């Protein structure tokens, strides 16, 4: 990781929620309703690194889609509850 990238990532720690939300809008091209600083920081940091160093390979993207398609969805209306005893 180069020095400029490290500097940009460490600057996220000093940003306010509103600044993080604006940075998110710039990087992702859409608003984010979250006001959770850690969530915003992590999402923005991932995007900055992906743009600088490359994101997932096409093979990794395809595999992720396969896994998502193979997942067993819950039956609509199914209620999960644990045994209290």
C-alpha atoms as a PDB file:
ATOM      1  CA  UNK A   1       0.000   0.000   0.000  1.00  0.00           C
ATOM      2  CA  UNK A   2       1.507   3.325  -1.005  1.00  0.00           C
ATOM      3  CA  UNK A   3       1.893   6.370   1.261  1.00  0.00           C
ATOM      4  CA  UNK A   4      -0.832   8.392  -0.476  1.00  0.00           C
ATOM      5  CA  UNK A   5      -3.354   5.581  -0.013  1.00  0.00           C
ATOM      6  CA  UNK A   6      -2.420   5.231   3.669  1.00  0.00           C
ATOM      7  CA  UNK A   7      -2.833   8.986   4.138  1.00  0.00           C
ATOM      8  CA  UNK A   8      -6.256   8.963   2.498  1.00  0.00           C
ATOM      9  CA  UNK A   9      -7.419   6.021   4.621  1.00  0.00           C
ATOM     10  CA  UNK A  10      -6.180   7.562   7.872  1.00  0.00           C
ATOM     11  CA  UNK A  11      -7.979  10.824   6.995  1.00  0.00           C
ATOM     12  CA  UNK A  12     -11.262   8.882   7.256  1.00  0.00           C
ATOM     13  CA  UNK A  13     -10.693   8.568  11.017  1.00  0.00           C
ATOM     14  CA  UNK A  14     -10.895  12.338  11.443  1.00  0.00           C
ATOM     15  CA  UNK A  15     -14.005  12.888   9.319  1.00  0.00           C
ATOM     16  CA  UNK A  16     -17.419  13.703  10.720  1.00  0.00           C
ATOM     17  CA  UNK A  17     -20.477  11.662   9.775  1.00  0.00           C
ATOM     18  CA  UNK A  18     -21.579  14.330   7.304  1.00  0.00           C
ATOM     19  CA  UNK A  19     -18.127  14.391   5.696  1.00  0.00           C
ATOM     20  CA  UNK A  20     -18.142  10.593   5.448  1.00  0.00           C
ATOM     21  CA  UNK A  21     -21.591  10.632   3.870  1.00  0.00           C
ATOM     22  CA  UNK A  22     -20.399  13.167   1.275  1.00  0.00           C
ATOM     23  CA  UNK A  23     -17.279  11.082   0.558  1.00  0.00           C
ATOM     24  CA  UNK A  24     -19.528   8.040   0.108  1.00  0.00           C
ATOM     25  CA  UNK A  25     -21.740   9.966  -2.323  1.00  0.00           C
ATOM     26  CA  UNK A  26     -18.693  10.953  -4.356  1.00  0.00           C
ATOM     27  CA  UNK A  27     -17.162   7.464  -4.427  1.00  0.00           C
ATOM     28  CA  UNK A  28     -20.333   5.442  -4.961  1.00  0.00           C
ATOM     29  CA  UNK A  29     -22.435   7.976  -6.881  1.00  0.00           C
ATOM     30  CA  UNK A  30     -25.362   7.610  -4.511  1.00  0.00           C
ATOM     31  CA  UNK A  31     -26.536   8.792  -1.113  1.00  0.00           C
ATOM     32  CA  UNK A  32     -26.211   6.603   1.964  1.00  0.00           C
ATOM     33  CA  UNK A  33     -28.725   7.071   4.761  1.00  0.00           C
ATOM     34  CA  UNK A  34     -26.466   5.531   7.380  1.00  0.00           C
ATOM     35  CA  UNK A  35     -25.119   7.737  10.149  1.00  0.00           C
ATOM     36  CA  UNK A  36     -22.940   4.954  11.594  1.00  0.00           C
ATOM     37  CA  UNK A  37     -19.359   6.206  11.375  1.00  0.00           C
ATOM     38  CA  UNK A  38     -17.668   2.803  11.490  1.00  0.00           C
ATOM     39  CA  UNK A  39     -19.903   1.407   8.760  1.00  0.00           C
ATOM     40  CA  UNK A  40     -19.280   4.406   6.519  1.00  0.00           C
ATOM     41  CA  UNK A  41     -15.520   4.361   7.165  1.00  0.00           C
ATOM     42  CA  UNK A  42     -15.203   0.666   6.335  1.00  0.00           C
ATOM     43  CA  UNK A  43     -17.316   0.937   3.196  1.00  0.00           C
ATOM     44  CA  UNK A  44     -15.405   3.985   1.966  1.00  0.00           C
ATOM     45  CA  UNK A  45     -12.034   2.420   2.826  1.00  0.00           C
ATOM     46  CA  UNK A  46     -12.960  -0.703   0.861  1.00  0.00           C
ATOM     47  CA  UNK A  47     -13.954   1.412  -2.146  1.00  0.00           C
ATOM     48  CA  UNK A  48     -10.771   3.513  -2.011  1.00  0.00           C
ATOM     49  CA  UNK A  49      -8.616   0.382  -1.849  1.00  0.00           C
ATOM     50  CA  UNK A  50     -10.584  -1.345  -4.603  1.00  0.00           C
ATOM     51  CA  UNK A  51     -10.146   1.647  -6.905  1.00  0.00           C
ATOM     52  CA  UNK A  52      -6.435   1.948  -6.083  1.00  0.00           C
ATOM     53  CA  UNK A  53      -5.447  -1.704  -6.083  1.00  0.00           C
ATOM     54  CA  UNK A  54      -8.224  -3.442  -7.960  1.00  0.00           C
ATOM     55  CA  UNK A  55     -11.387  -5.054  -6.694  1.00  0.00           C
ATOM     56  CA  UNK A  56     -12.490  -8.651  -6.911  1.00  0.00           C
ATOM     57  CA  UNK A  57     -11.404 -10.644  -9.924  1.00  0.00           C
ATOM     58  CA  UNK A  58     -14.057 -11.678 -12.423  1.00  0.00           C
ATOM     59  CA  UNK A  59     -13.655 -15.272 -11.237  1.00  0.00           C
ATOM     60  CA  UNK A  60     -14.285 -14.231  -7.615  1.00  0.00           C
ATOM     61  CA  UNK A  61     -17.356 -12.232  -8.653  1.00  0.00           C
ATOM     62  CA  UNK A  62     -18.770 -15.222 -10.544  1.00  0.00           C
ATOM     63  CA  UNK A  63     -18.170 -17.527  -7.595  1.00  0.00           C
ATOM     64  CA  UNK A  64     -19.906 -15.104  -5.230  1.00  0.00           C
ATOM     65  CA  UNK A  65     -22.919 -15.010  -7.553  1.00  0.00           C
ATOM     66  CA  UNK A  66     -22.980 -18.812  -7.690  1.00  0.00           C
ATOM     67  CA  UNK A  67     -22.895 -19.039  -3.905  1.00  0.00           C
ATOM     68  CA  UNK A  68     -25.664 -16.469  -3.574  1.00  0.00           C
ATOM     69  CA  UNK A  69     -27.839 -18.331  -6.084  1.00  0.00           C
ATOM     70  CA  UNK A  70     -27.243 -21.673  -4.352  1.00  0.00           C
ATOM     71  CA  UNK A  71     -28.179 -20.353  -0.909  1.00  0.00           C
ATOM     72  CA  UNK A  72     -31.370 -21.781   0.550  1.00  0.00           C
ATOM     73  CA  UNK A  73     -33.790 -18.881   0.888  1.00  0.00           C
ATOM     74  CA  UNK A  74     -36.153 -18.921   3.814  1.00  0.00           C
ATOM     75  CA  UNK A  75     -39.713 -19.833   3.084  1.00  0.00           C
ATOM     76  CA  UNK A  76     -41.876 -16.660   2.892  1.00  0.00           C
ATOM     77  CA  UNK A  77     -43.650 -16.096   6.192  1.00  0.00           C
ATOM     78  CA  UNK A  78     -41.366 -18.513   8.047  1.00  0.00           C
ATOM     79  CA  UNK A  79     -40.801 -17.445  11.637  1.00  0.00           C
ATOM     80  CA  UNK A  80     -37.631 -18.583  13.356  1.00  0.00           C
ATOM     81  CA  UNK A  81     -37.827 -19.050  17.092  1.00  0.00           C
ATOM     82  CA  UNK A  82     -35.584 -20.715  19.601  1.00  0.00           C
ATOM     83  CA  UNK A  83     -36.467 -23.121  22.363  1.00  0.00           C
ATOM     84  CA  UNK A  84     -36.445 -21.172  25.652  1.00  0.00           C
ATOM     85  CA  UNK A  85     -36.015 -24.320  27.765  1.00  0.00           C
END
